[in-house]
Amino acid sequence: MSVVVTAIFVPRDGQKDDMVAAMRRGIEAVHGEDGCELYAIHDAEDGTITMIEKWTSREALAAHAEGDPVTLLNADIAELIAEPVRVTLMDAIPVGDAVRGAL
């Protein structure tokens, strides 16, 4: 069963655009990882950057968490992030239309 993840990144004041640019290499590397179905950042109204991820399994997610692309991403944003990333793992509860009822 796939797993969905959100990761909230809080950039230092005035550093959001720099953080987005710094995340590019890591994101592109993650897109090549086994089990990655979705790995996309979004600009949240509160000034944070929200990563929405979807992985084919918890095993694929665990491998991702230990992989070089995450190390690269973390190194690239180390000086731009104001607080630790808040990560939430979720399992889908499909309801309604099969396409629209689950991520």
PDB file of N, CA and C in Angstrom:
ATOM      1  N   MET A   1       0.835  -1.175   0.000  1.00  0.00           N
ATOM      2  CA  MET A   1       0.000   0.000   0.000  1.00  0.00           C
ATOM      3  C   MET A   1       0.886   1.248   0.000  1.00  0.00           C
ATOM      4  N   SER A   2       0.512   2.247  -0.783  1.00  0.00           N
ATOM      5  CA  SER A   2       1.305   3.463  -0.857  1.00  0.00           C
ATOM      6  C   SER A   2       1.163   4.281   0.424  1.00  0.00           C
ATOM      7  N   VAL A   3       2.135   5.161   0.619  1.00  0.00           N
ATOM      8  CA  VAL A   3       2.146   6.043   1.779  1.00  0.00           C
ATOM      9  C   VAL A   3       2.341   7.477   1.289  1.00  0.00           C
ATOM     10  N   VAL A   4       1.598   8.394   1.889  1.00  0.00           N
ATOM     11  CA  VAL A   4       1.683   9.812   1.563  1.00  0.00           C
ATOM     12  C   VAL A   4       2.391  10.514   2.710  1.00  0.00           C
ATOM     13  N   VAL A   5       3.220  11.477   2.355  1.00  0.00           N
ATOM     14  CA  VAL A   5       4.004  12.211   3.348  1.00  0.00           C
ATOM     15  C   VAL A   5       3.850  13.697   3.079  1.00  0.00           C
ATOM     16  N   THR A   6       3.739  14.470   4.151  1.00  0.00           N
ATOM     17  CA  THR A   6       3.913  15.912   4.031  1.00  0.00           C
ATOM     18  C   THR A   6       5.131  16.289   4.864  1.00  0.00           C
ATOM     19  N   ALA A   7       5.891  17.224   4.340  1.00  0.00           N
ATOM     20  CA  ALA A   7       7.047  17.751   5.049  1.00  0.00           C
ATOM     21  C   ALA A   7       6.969  19.271   4.959  1.00  0.00           C
ATOM     22  N   ILE A   8       6.952  19.918   6.116  1.00  0.00           N
ATOM     23  CA  ILE A   8       6.824  21.374   6.177  1.00  0.00           C
ATOM     24  C   ILE A   8       8.199  21.971   6.443  1.00  0.00           C
ATOM     25  N   PHE A   9       8.644  22.839   5.534  1.00  0.00           N
ATOM     26  CA  PHE A   9       9.926  23.520   5.639  1.00  0.00           C
ATOM     27  C   PHE A   9       9.670  24.984   5.981  1.00  0.00           C
ATOM     28  N   VAL A  10      10.334  25.488   7.021  1.00  0.00           N
ATOM     29  CA  VAL A  10      10.196  26.880   7.416  1.00  0.00           C
ATOM     30  C   VAL A  10      11.498  27.604   7.059  1.00  0.00           C
ATOM     31  N   PRO A  11      11.460  28.440   6.023  1.00  0.00           N
ATOM     32  CA  PRO A  11      12.677  29.155   5.646  1.00  0.00           C
ATOM     33  C   PRO A  11      12.972  30.304   6.614  1.00  0.00           C
ATOM     34  N   ARG A  12      14.239  30.657   6.710  1.00  0.00           N
ATOM     35  CA  ARG A  12      14.605  31.843   7.472  1.00  0.00           C
ATOM     36  C   ARG A  12      13.954  33.054   6.810  1.00  0.00           C
ATOM     37  N   ASP A  13      13.762  34.119   7.581  1.00  0.00           N
ATOM     38  CA  ASP A  13      13.141  35.339   7.048  1.00  0.00           C
ATOM     39  C   ASP A  13      13.835  35.793   5.771  1.00  0.00           C
ATOM     40  N   GLY A  14      13.034  36.019   4.746  1.00  0.00           N
ATOM     41  CA  GLY A  14      13.541  36.511   3.477  1.00  0.00           C
ATOM     42  C   GLY A  14      14.291  35.490   2.640  1.00  0.00           C
ATOM     43  N   GLN A  15      14.265  34.218   3.038  1.00  0.00           N
ATOM     44  CA  GLN A  15      15.049  33.186   2.348  1.00  0.00           C
ATOM     45  C   GLN A  15      14.214  32.169   1.579  1.00  0.00           C
ATOM     46  N   LYS A  16      12.910  32.390   1.459  1.00  0.00           N
ATOM     47  CA  LYS A  16      12.061  31.380   0.818  1.00  0.00           C
ATOM     48  C   LYS A  16      12.477  31.113  -0.624  1.00  0.00           C
ATOM     49  N   ASP A  17      12.669  32.153  -1.413  1.00  0.00           N
ATOM     50  CA  ASP A  17      13.045  31.938  -2.810  1.00  0.00           C
ATOM     51  C   ASP A  17      14.395  31.228  -2.915  1.00  0.00           C
ATOM     52  N   ASP A  18      15.327  31.585  -2.027  1.00  0.00           N
ATOM     53  CA  ASP A  18      16.632  30.919  -2.026  1.00  0.00           C
ATOM     54  C   ASP A  18      16.489  29.449  -1.647  1.00  0.00           C
ATOM     55  N   MET A  19      15.579  29.168  -0.689  1.00  0.00           N
ATOM     56  CA  MET A  19      15.374  27.782  -0.282  1.00  0.00           C
ATOM     57  C   MET A  19      14.786  26.966  -1.428  1.00  0.00           C
ATOM     58  N   VAL A  20      13.811  27.526  -2.110  1.00  0.00           N
ATOM     59  CA  VAL A  20      13.209  26.815  -3.245  1.00  0.00           C
ATOM     60  C   VAL A  20      14.288  26.490  -4.281  1.00  0.00           C
ATOM     61  N   ALA A  21      15.119  27.461  -4.597  1.00  0.00           N
ATOM     62  CA  ALA A  21      16.194  27.228  -5.570  1.00  0.00           C
ATOM     63  C   ALA A  21      17.166  26.160  -5.066  1.00  0.00           C
ATOM     64  N   ALA A  22      17.472  26.189  -3.770  1.00  0.00           N
ATOM     65  CA  ALA A  22      18.420  25.231  -3.194  1.00  0.00           C
ATOM     66  C   ALA A  22      17.858  23.812  -3.163  1.00  0.00           C
ATOM     67  N   MET A  23      16.550  23.670  -3.146  1.00  0.00           N
ATOM     68  CA  MET A  23      15.922  22.355  -3.087  1.00  0.00           C
ATOM     69  C   MET A  23      15.927  21.643  -4.437  1.00  0.00           C
ATOM     70  N   ARG A  24      16.158  22.359  -5.497  1.00  0.00           N
ATOM     71  CA  ARG A  24      16.024  21.807  -6.854  1.00  0.00           C
ATOM     72  C   ARG A  24      16.861  20.550  -7.076  1.00  0.00           C
ATOM     73  N   ARG A  25      18.164  20.581  -6.752  1.00  0.00           N
ATOM     74  CA  ARG A  25      19.025  19.408  -7.013  1.00  0.00           C
ATOM     75  C   ARG A  25      18.531  18.174  -6.278  1.00  0.00           C
ATOM     76  N   GLY A  26      18.171  18.341  -5.002  1.00  0.00           N
ATOM     77  CA  GLY A  26      17.697  17.206  -4.218  1.00  0.00           C
ATOM     78  C   GLY A  26      16.395  16.641  -4.741  1.00  0.00           C
ATOM     79  N   ILE A  27      15.469  17.534  -5.109  1.00  0.00           N
ATOM     80  CA  ILE A  27      14.180  17.084  -5.644  1.00  0.00           C
ATOM     81  C   ILE A  27      14.390  16.306  -6.936  1.00  0.00           C
ATOM     82  N   GLU A  28      15.196  16.842  -7.827  1.00  0.00           N
ATOM     83  CA  GLU A  28      15.437  16.146  -9.091  1.00  0.00           C
ATOM     84  C   GLU A  28      16.068  14.771  -8.855  1.00  0.00           C
ATOM     85  N   ALA A  29      16.955  14.670  -7.867  1.00  0.00           N
ATOM     86  CA  ALA A  29      17.572  13.376  -7.545  1.00  0.00           C
ATOM     87  C   ALA A  29      16.547  12.403  -6.964  1.00  0.00           C
ATOM     88  N   VAL A  30      15.671  12.897  -6.107  1.00  0.00           N
ATOM     89  CA  VAL A  30      14.637  12.041  -5.509  1.00  0.00           C
ATOM     90  C   VAL A  30      13.713  11.474  -6.574  1.00  0.00           C
ATOM     91  N   HIS A  31      13.402  12.253  -7.590  1.00  0.00           N
ATOM     92  CA  HIS A  31      12.498  11.785  -8.641  1.00  0.00           C
ATOM     93  C   HIS A  31      13.000  10.513  -9.317  1.00  0.00           C
ATOM     94  N   GLY A  32      14.291  10.234  -9.240  1.00  0.00           N
ATOM     95  CA  GLY A  32      14.851   9.022  -9.816  1.00  0.00           C
ATOM     96  C   GLY A  32      14.888   7.837  -8.870  1.00  0.00           C
ATOM     97  N   GLU A  33      14.441   8.015  -7.638  1.00  0.00           N
ATOM     98  CA  GLU A  33      14.493   6.924  -6.655  1.00  0.00           C
ATOM     99  C   GLU A  33      13.380   5.908  -6.896  1.00  0.00           C
ATOM    100  N   ASP A  34      13.700   4.640  -6.634  1.00  0.00           N
ATOM    101  CA  ASP A  34      12.695   3.582  -6.715  1.00  0.00           C
ATOM    102  C   ASP A  34      11.574   3.863  -5.730  1.00  0.00           C
ATOM    103  N   GLY A  35      10.351   3.742  -6.192  1.00  0.00           N
ATOM    104  CA  GLY A  35       9.198   3.889  -5.321  1.00  0.00           C
ATOM    105  C   GLY A  35       8.647   5.298  -5.219  1.00  0.00           C
ATOM    106  N   CYS A  36       9.301   6.273  -5.816  1.00  0.00           N
ATOM    107  CA  CYS A  36       8.811   7.658  -5.760  1.00  0.00           C
ATOM    108  C   CYS A  36       7.702   7.851  -6.780  1.00  0.00           C
ATOM    109  N   GLU A  37       6.493   8.134  -6.288  1.00  0.00           N
ATOM    110  CA  GLU A  37       5.363   8.400  -7.174  1.00  0.00           C
ATOM    111  C   GLU A  37       5.067   9.897  -7.269  1.00  0.00           C
ATOM    112  N   LEU A  38       5.411  10.639  -6.218  1.00  0.00           N
ATOM    113  CA  LEU A  38       5.171  12.077  -6.179  1.00  0.00           C
ATOM    114  C   LEU A  38       6.136  12.688  -5.179  1.00  0.00           C
ATOM    115  N   TYR A  39       6.745  13.799  -5.550  1.00  0.00           N
ATOM    116  CA  TYR A  39       7.658  14.520  -4.657  1.00  0.00           C
ATOM    117  C   TYR A  39       7.660  15.949  -5.152  1.00  0.00           C
ATOM    118  N   ALA A  40       6.773  16.776  -4.605  1.00  0.00           N
ATOM    119  CA  ALA A  40       6.520  18.105  -5.150  1.00  0.00           C
ATOM    120  C   ALA A  40       6.384  19.127  -4.030  1.00  0.00           C
ATOM    121  N   ILE A  41       6.987  20.313  -4.240  1.00  0.00           N
ATOM    122  CA  ILE A  41       6.883  21.371  -3.240  1.00  0.00           C
ATOM    123  C   ILE A  41       5.794  22.358  -3.623  1.00  0.00           C
ATOM    124  N   HIS A  42       5.229  22.978  -2.576  1.00  0.00           N
ATOM    125  CA  HIS A  42       4.142  23.939  -2.747  1.00  0.00           C
ATOM    126  C   HIS A  42       4.374  25.123  -1.823  1.00  0.00           C
ATOM    127  N   ASP A  43       4.006  26.295  -2.284  1.00  0.00           N
ATOM    128  CA  ASP A  43       4.124  27.533  -1.525  1.00  0.00           C
ATOM    129  C   ASP A  43       2.873  27.679  -0.658  1.00  0.00           C
ATOM    130  N   ALA A  44       3.044  27.604   0.649  1.00  0.00           N
ATOM    131  CA  ALA A  44       1.905  27.705   1.562  1.00  0.00           C
ATOM    132  C   ALA A  44       1.665  29.171   1.942  1.00  0.00           C
ATOM    133  N   GLU A  45       0.418  29.493   2.241  1.00  0.00           N
ATOM    134  CA  GLU A  45       0.043  30.862   2.585  1.00  0.00           C
ATOM    135  C   GLU A  45       0.763  31.401   3.814  1.00  0.00           C
ATOM    136  N   ASP A  46       1.214  30.526   4.694  1.00  0.00           N
ATOM    137  CA  ASP A  46       1.859  30.974   5.927  1.00  0.00           C
ATOM    138  C   ASP A  46       3.363  31.215   5.772  1.00  0.00           C
ATOM    139  N   GLY A  47       3.862  31.163   4.533  1.00  0.00           N
ATOM    140  CA  GLY A  47       5.275  31.422   4.291  1.00  0.00           C
ATOM    141  C   GLY A  47       6.157  30.188   4.329  1.00  0.00           C
ATOM    142  N   THR A  48       5.557  29.042   4.598  1.00  0.00           N
ATOM    143  CA  THR A  48       6.319  27.797   4.606  1.00  0.00           C
ATOM    144  C   THR A  48       6.288  27.157   3.226  1.00  0.00           C
ATOM    145  N   ILE A  49       7.114  26.146   3.059  1.00  0.00           N
ATOM    146  CA  ILE A  49       7.118  25.333   1.842  1.00  0.00           C
ATOM    147  C   ILE A  49       6.664  23.942   2.250  1.00  0.00           C
ATOM    148  N   THR A  50       5.632  23.450   1.586  1.00  0.00           N
ATOM    149  CA  THR A  50       5.108  22.125   1.899  1.00  0.00           C
ATOM    150  C   THR A  50       5.480  21.152   0.795  1.00  0.00           C
ATOM    151  N   MET A  51       6.153  20.077   1.189  1.00  0.00           N
ATOM    152  CA  MET A  51       6.482  18.990   0.278  1.00  0.00           C
ATOM    153  C   MET A  51       5.375  17.946   0.413  1.00  0.00           C
ATOM    154  N   ILE A  52       4.800  17.537  -0.700  1.00  0.00           N
ATOM    155  CA  ILE A  52       3.833  16.450  -0.701  1.00  0.00           C
ATOM    156  C   ILE A  52       4.483  15.294  -1.448  1.00  0.00           C
ATOM    157  N   GLU A  53       4.523  14.146  -0.792  1.00  0.00           N
ATOM    158  CA  GLU A  53       5.207  12.974  -1.331  1.00  0.00           C
ATOM    159  C   GLU A  53       4.247  11.792  -1.384  1.00  0.00           C
ATOM    160  N   LYS A  54       4.493  10.902  -2.321  1.00  0.00           N
ATOM    161  CA  LYS A  54       3.777   9.629  -2.358  1.00  0.00           C
ATOM    162  C   LYS A  54       4.775   8.561  -2.749  1.00  0.00           C
ATOM    163  N   TRP A  55       4.810   7.496  -1.947  1.00  0.00           N
ATOM    164  CA  TRP A  55       5.752   6.394  -2.128  1.00  0.00           C
ATOM    165  C   TRP A  55       4.975   5.100  -2.275  1.00  0.00           C
ATOM    166  N   THR A  56       5.528   4.170  -3.047  1.00  0.00           N
ATOM    167  CA  THR A  56       4.847   2.903  -3.291  1.00  0.00           C
ATOM    168  C   THR A  56       4.706   2.063  -2.037  1.00  0.00           C
ATOM    169  N   SER A  57       5.601   2.267  -1.058  1.00  0.00           N
ATOM    170  CA  SER A  57       5.556   1.469   0.173  1.00  0.00           C
ATOM    171  C   SER A  57       6.355   2.165   1.269  1.00  0.00           C
ATOM    172  N   ARG A  58       6.158   1.717   2.482  1.00  0.00           N
ATOM    173  CA  ARG A  58       6.955   2.241   3.603  1.00  0.00           C
ATOM    174  C   ARG A  58       8.421   1.843   3.457  1.00  0.00           C
ATOM    175  N   GLU A  59       8.674   0.715   2.819  1.00  0.00           N
ATOM    176  CA  GLU A  59      10.055   0.284   2.588  1.00  0.00           C
ATOM    177  C   GLU A  59      10.760   1.247   1.621  1.00  0.00           C
ATOM    178  N   ALA A  60      10.057   1.647   0.562  1.00  0.00           N
ATOM    179  CA  ALA A  60      10.627   2.612  -0.386  1.00  0.00           C
ATOM    180  C   ALA A  60      10.871   3.953   0.303  1.00  0.00           C
ATOM    181  N   LEU A  61       9.947   4.365   1.153  1.00  0.00           N
ATOM    182  CA  LEU A  61      10.110   5.608   1.905  1.00  0.00           C
ATOM    183  C   LEU A  61      11.304   5.522   2.851  1.00  0.00           C
ATOM    184  N   ALA A  62      11.465   4.392   3.515  1.00  0.00           N
ATOM    185  CA  ALA A  62      12.599   4.215   4.434  1.00  0.00           C
ATOM    186  C   ALA A  62      13.927   4.282   3.678  1.00  0.00           C
ATOM    187  N   ALA A  63      13.974   3.668   2.496  1.00  0.00           N
ATOM    188  CA  ALA A  63      15.193   3.726   1.688  1.00  0.00           C
ATOM    189  C   ALA A  63      15.468   5.169   1.260  1.00  0.00           C
ATOM    190  N   HIS A  64      14.432   5.885   0.896  1.00  0.00           N
ATOM    191  CA  HIS A  64      14.564   7.295   0.524  1.00  0.00           C
ATOM    192  C   HIS A  64      15.141   8.109   1.680  1.00  0.00           C
ATOM    193  N   ALA A  65      14.620   7.887   2.867  1.00  0.00           N
ATOM    194  CA  ALA A  65      15.056   8.660   4.038  1.00  0.00           C
ATOM    195  C   ALA A  65      16.542   8.485   4.328  1.00  0.00           C
ATOM    196  N   GLU A  66      17.104   7.346   3.947  1.00  0.00           N
ATOM    197  CA  GLU A  66      18.519   7.054   4.194  1.00  0.00           C
ATOM    198  C   GLU A  66      19.393   7.325   2.968  1.00  0.00           C
ATOM    199  N   GLY A  67      18.785   7.780   1.875  1.00  0.00           N
ATOM    200  CA  GLY A  67      19.511   7.885   0.611  1.00  0.00           C
ATOM    201  C   GLY A  67      20.283   9.179   0.411  1.00  0.00           C
ATOM    202  N   ASP A  68      21.131   9.163  -0.593  1.00  0.00           N
ATOM    203  CA  ASP A  68      21.955  10.312  -0.941  1.00  0.00           C
ATOM    204  C   ASP A  68      21.142  11.549  -1.338  1.00  0.00           C
ATOM    205  N   PRO A  69      20.019  11.407  -2.061  1.00  0.00           N
ATOM    206  CA  PRO A  69      19.267  12.608  -2.420  1.00  0.00           C
ATOM    207  C   PRO A  69      18.772  13.405  -1.205  1.00  0.00           C
ATOM    208  N   VAL A  70      18.360  12.738  -0.148  1.00  0.00           N
ATOM    209  CA  VAL A  70      17.924  13.448   1.062  1.00  0.00           C
ATOM    210  C   VAL A  70      19.117  14.130   1.730  1.00  0.00           C
ATOM    211  N   THR A  71      20.250  13.455   1.752  1.00  0.00           N
ATOM    212  CA  THR A  71      21.467  14.055   2.297  1.00  0.00           C
ATOM    213  C   THR A  71      21.816  15.318   1.513  1.00  0.00           C
ATOM    214  N   LEU A  72      21.731  15.253   0.193  1.00  0.00           N
ATOM    215  CA  LEU A  72      22.007  16.398  -0.666  1.00  0.00           C
ATOM    216  C   LEU A  72      21.027  17.533  -0.391  1.00  0.00           C
ATOM    217  N   LEU A  73      19.753  17.214  -0.343  1.00  0.00           N
ATOM    218  CA  LEU A  73      18.724  18.225  -0.082  1.00  0.00           C
ATOM    219  C   LEU A  73      18.965  18.911   1.254  1.00  0.00           C
ATOM    220  N   ASN A  74      19.199  18.122   2.296  1.00  0.00           N
ATOM    221  CA  ASN A  74      19.419  18.695   3.622  1.00  0.00           C
ATOM    222  C   ASN A  74      20.656  19.586   3.665  1.00  0.00           C
ATOM    223  N   ALA A  75      21.719  19.175   2.989  1.00  0.00           N
ATOM    224  CA  ALA A  75      22.939  19.988   2.954  1.00  0.00           C
ATOM    225  C   ALA A  75      22.691  21.300   2.213  1.00  0.00           C
ATOM    226  N   ASP A  76      21.939  21.233   1.125  1.00  0.00           N
ATOM    227  CA  ASP A  76      21.699  22.426   0.314  1.00  0.00           C
ATOM    228  C   ASP A  76      20.841  23.469   1.028  1.00  0.00           C
ATOM    229  N   ILE A  77      19.981  23.042   1.962  1.00  0.00           N
ATOM    230  CA  ILE A  77      19.103  24.000   2.651  1.00  0.00           C
ATOM    231  C   ILE A  77      19.547  24.300   4.080  1.00  0.00           C
ATOM    232  N   ALA A  78      20.627  23.707   4.526  1.00  0.00           N
ATOM    233  CA  ALA A  78      21.041  23.806   5.930  1.00  0.00           C
ATOM    234  C   ALA A  78      21.122  25.240   6.443  1.00  0.00           C
ATOM    235  N   GLU A  79      21.606  26.153   5.658  1.00  0.00           N
ATOM    236  CA  GLU A  79      21.765  27.542   6.099  1.00  0.00           C
ATOM    237  C   GLU A  79      20.519  28.389   5.852  1.00  0.00           C
ATOM    238  N   LEU A  80      19.498  27.796   5.245  1.00  0.00           N
ATOM    239  CA  LEU A  80      18.310  28.549   4.854  1.00  0.00           C
ATOM    240  C   LEU A  80      17.078  28.206   5.677  1.00  0.00           C
ATOM    241  N   ILE A  81      17.157  27.153   6.474  1.00  0.00           N
ATOM    242  CA  ILE A  81      15.986  26.656   7.205  1.00  0.00           C
ATOM    243  C   ILE A  81      15.989  27.183   8.637  1.00  0.00           C
ATOM    244  N   ALA A  82      14.806  27.605   9.105  1.00  0.00           N
ATOM    245  CA  ALA A  82      14.689  28.237  10.415  1.00  0.00           C
ATOM    246  C   ALA A  82      14.422  27.258  11.554  1.00  0.00           C
ATOM    247  N   GLU A  83      13.852  26.103  11.238  1.00  0.00           N
ATOM    248  CA  GLU A  83      13.529  25.119  12.279  1.00  0.00           C
ATOM    249  C   GLU A  83      13.486  23.730  11.652  1.00  0.00           C
ATOM    250  N   PRO A  84      13.500  22.698  12.486  1.00  0.00           N
ATOM    251  CA  PRO A  84      13.467  21.331  11.929  1.00  0.00           C
ATOM    252  C   PRO A  84      12.225  21.100  11.061  1.00  0.00           C
ATOM    253  N   VAL A  85      12.397  20.291  10.030  1.00  0.00           N
ATOM    254  CA  VAL A  85      11.296  19.943   9.130  1.00  0.00           C
ATOM    255  C   VAL A  85      10.266  19.122   9.898  1.00  0.00           C
ATOM    256  N   ARG A  86       8.988  19.454   9.711  1.00  0.00           N
ATOM    257  CA  ARG A  86       7.896  18.702  10.343  1.00  0.00           C
ATOM    258  C   ARG A  86       7.351  17.699   9.315  1.00  0.00           C
ATOM    259  N   VAL A  87       7.504  16.424   9.618  1.00  0.00           N
ATOM    260  CA  VAL A  87       7.126  15.360   8.686  1.00  0.00           C
ATOM    261  C   VAL A  87       5.935  14.582   9.247  1.00  0.00           C
ATOM    262  N   THR A  88       4.954  14.315   8.375  1.00  0.00           N
ATOM    263  CA  THR A  88       3.784  13.518   8.744  1.00  0.00           C
ATOM    264  C   THR A  88       3.600  12.418   7.706  1.00  0.00           C
ATOM    265  N   LEU A  89       3.494  11.166   8.159  1.00  0.00           N
ATOM    266  CA  LEU A  89       3.220  10.022   7.290  1.00  0.00           C
ATOM    267  C   LEU A  89       1.740   9.688   7.374  1.00  0.00           C
ATOM    268  N   MET A  90       1.139   9.378   6.216  1.00  0.00           N
ATOM    269  CA  MET A  90      -0.297   9.106   6.163  1.00  0.00           C
ATOM    270  C   MET A  90      -0.594   7.930   5.256  1.00  0.00           C
ATOM    271  N   ASP A  91      -1.582   7.138   5.616  1.00  0.00           N
ATOM    272  CA  ASP A  91      -2.110   6.088   4.756  1.00  0.00           C
ATOM    273  C   ASP A  91      -3.454   6.563   4.226  1.00  0.00           C
ATOM    274  N   ALA A  92      -3.713   6.322   2.949  1.00  0.00           N
ATOM    275  CA  ALA A  92      -4.954   6.769   2.319  1.00  0.00           C
ATOM    276  C   ALA A  92      -6.164   6.060   2.913  1.00  0.00           C
ATOM    277  N   ILE A  93      -7.250   6.786   3.006  1.00  0.00           N
ATOM    278  CA  ILE A  93      -8.564   6.240   3.326  1.00  0.00           C
ATOM    279  C   ILE A  93      -9.442   6.597   2.124  1.00  0.00           C
ATOM    280  N   PRO A  94      -9.430   5.762   1.074  1.00  0.00           N
ATOM    281  CA  PRO A  94     -10.169   6.100  -0.148  1.00  0.00           C
ATOM    282  C   PRO A  94     -11.672   6.173   0.109  1.00  0.00           C
ATOM    283  N   VAL A  95     -12.255   7.276  -0.313  1.00  0.00           N
ATOM    284  CA  VAL A  95     -13.698   7.482  -0.181  1.00  0.00           C
ATOM    285  C   VAL A  95     -14.200   8.125  -1.475  1.00  0.00           C
ATOM    286  N   GLY A  96     -15.354   7.696  -1.945  1.00  0.00           N
ATOM    287  CA  GLY A  96     -15.943   8.298  -3.138  1.00  0.00           C
ATOM    288  C   GLY A  96     -15.287   7.812  -4.406  1.00  0.00           C
ATOM    289  N   ASP A  97     -15.140   8.702  -5.349  1.00  0.00           N
ATOM    290  CA  ASP A  97     -14.556   8.403  -6.661  1.00  0.00           C
ATOM    291  C   ASP A  97     -13.154   7.849  -6.519  1.00  0.00           C
ATOM    292  N   ALA A  98     -12.843   6.787  -7.248  1.00  0.00           N
ATOM    293  CA  ALA A  98     -11.550   6.107  -7.124  1.00  0.00           C
ATOM    294  C   ALA A  98     -10.382   7.021  -7.507  1.00  0.00           C
ATOM    295  N   VAL A  99     -10.581   7.916  -8.440  1.00  0.00           N
ATOM    296  CA  VAL A  99      -9.528   8.821  -8.877  1.00  0.00           C
ATOM    297  C   VAL A  99      -9.404  10.021  -7.938  1.00  0.00           C
ATOM    298  N   ARG A 100     -10.528  10.588  -7.540  1.00  0.00           N
ATOM    299  CA  ARG A 100     -10.523  11.793  -6.730  1.00  0.00           C
ATOM    300  C   ARG A 100     -10.525  11.510  -5.233  1.00  0.00           C
ATOM    301  N   GLY A 101     -10.751  10.274  -4.852  1.00  0.00           N
ATOM    302  CA  GLY A 101     -10.894   9.943  -3.437  1.00  0.00           C
ATOM    303  C   GLY A 101      -9.618   9.547  -2.733  1.00  0.00           C
ATOM    304  N   ALA A 102      -8.487   9.540  -3.444  1.00  0.00           N
ATOM    305  CA  ALA A 102      -7.208   9.189  -2.822  1.00  0.00           C
ATOM    306  C   ALA A 102      -6.087   9.863  -3.593  1.00  0.00           C
ATOM    307  N   LEU A 103      -5.063  10.204  -2.890  1.00  0.00           N
ATOM    308  CA  LEU A 103      -3.892  10.822  -3.515  1.00  0.00           C
ATOM    309  C   LEU A 103      -2.978   9.743  -4.047  1.00  0.00           C
TER     310      LEU A 103
END
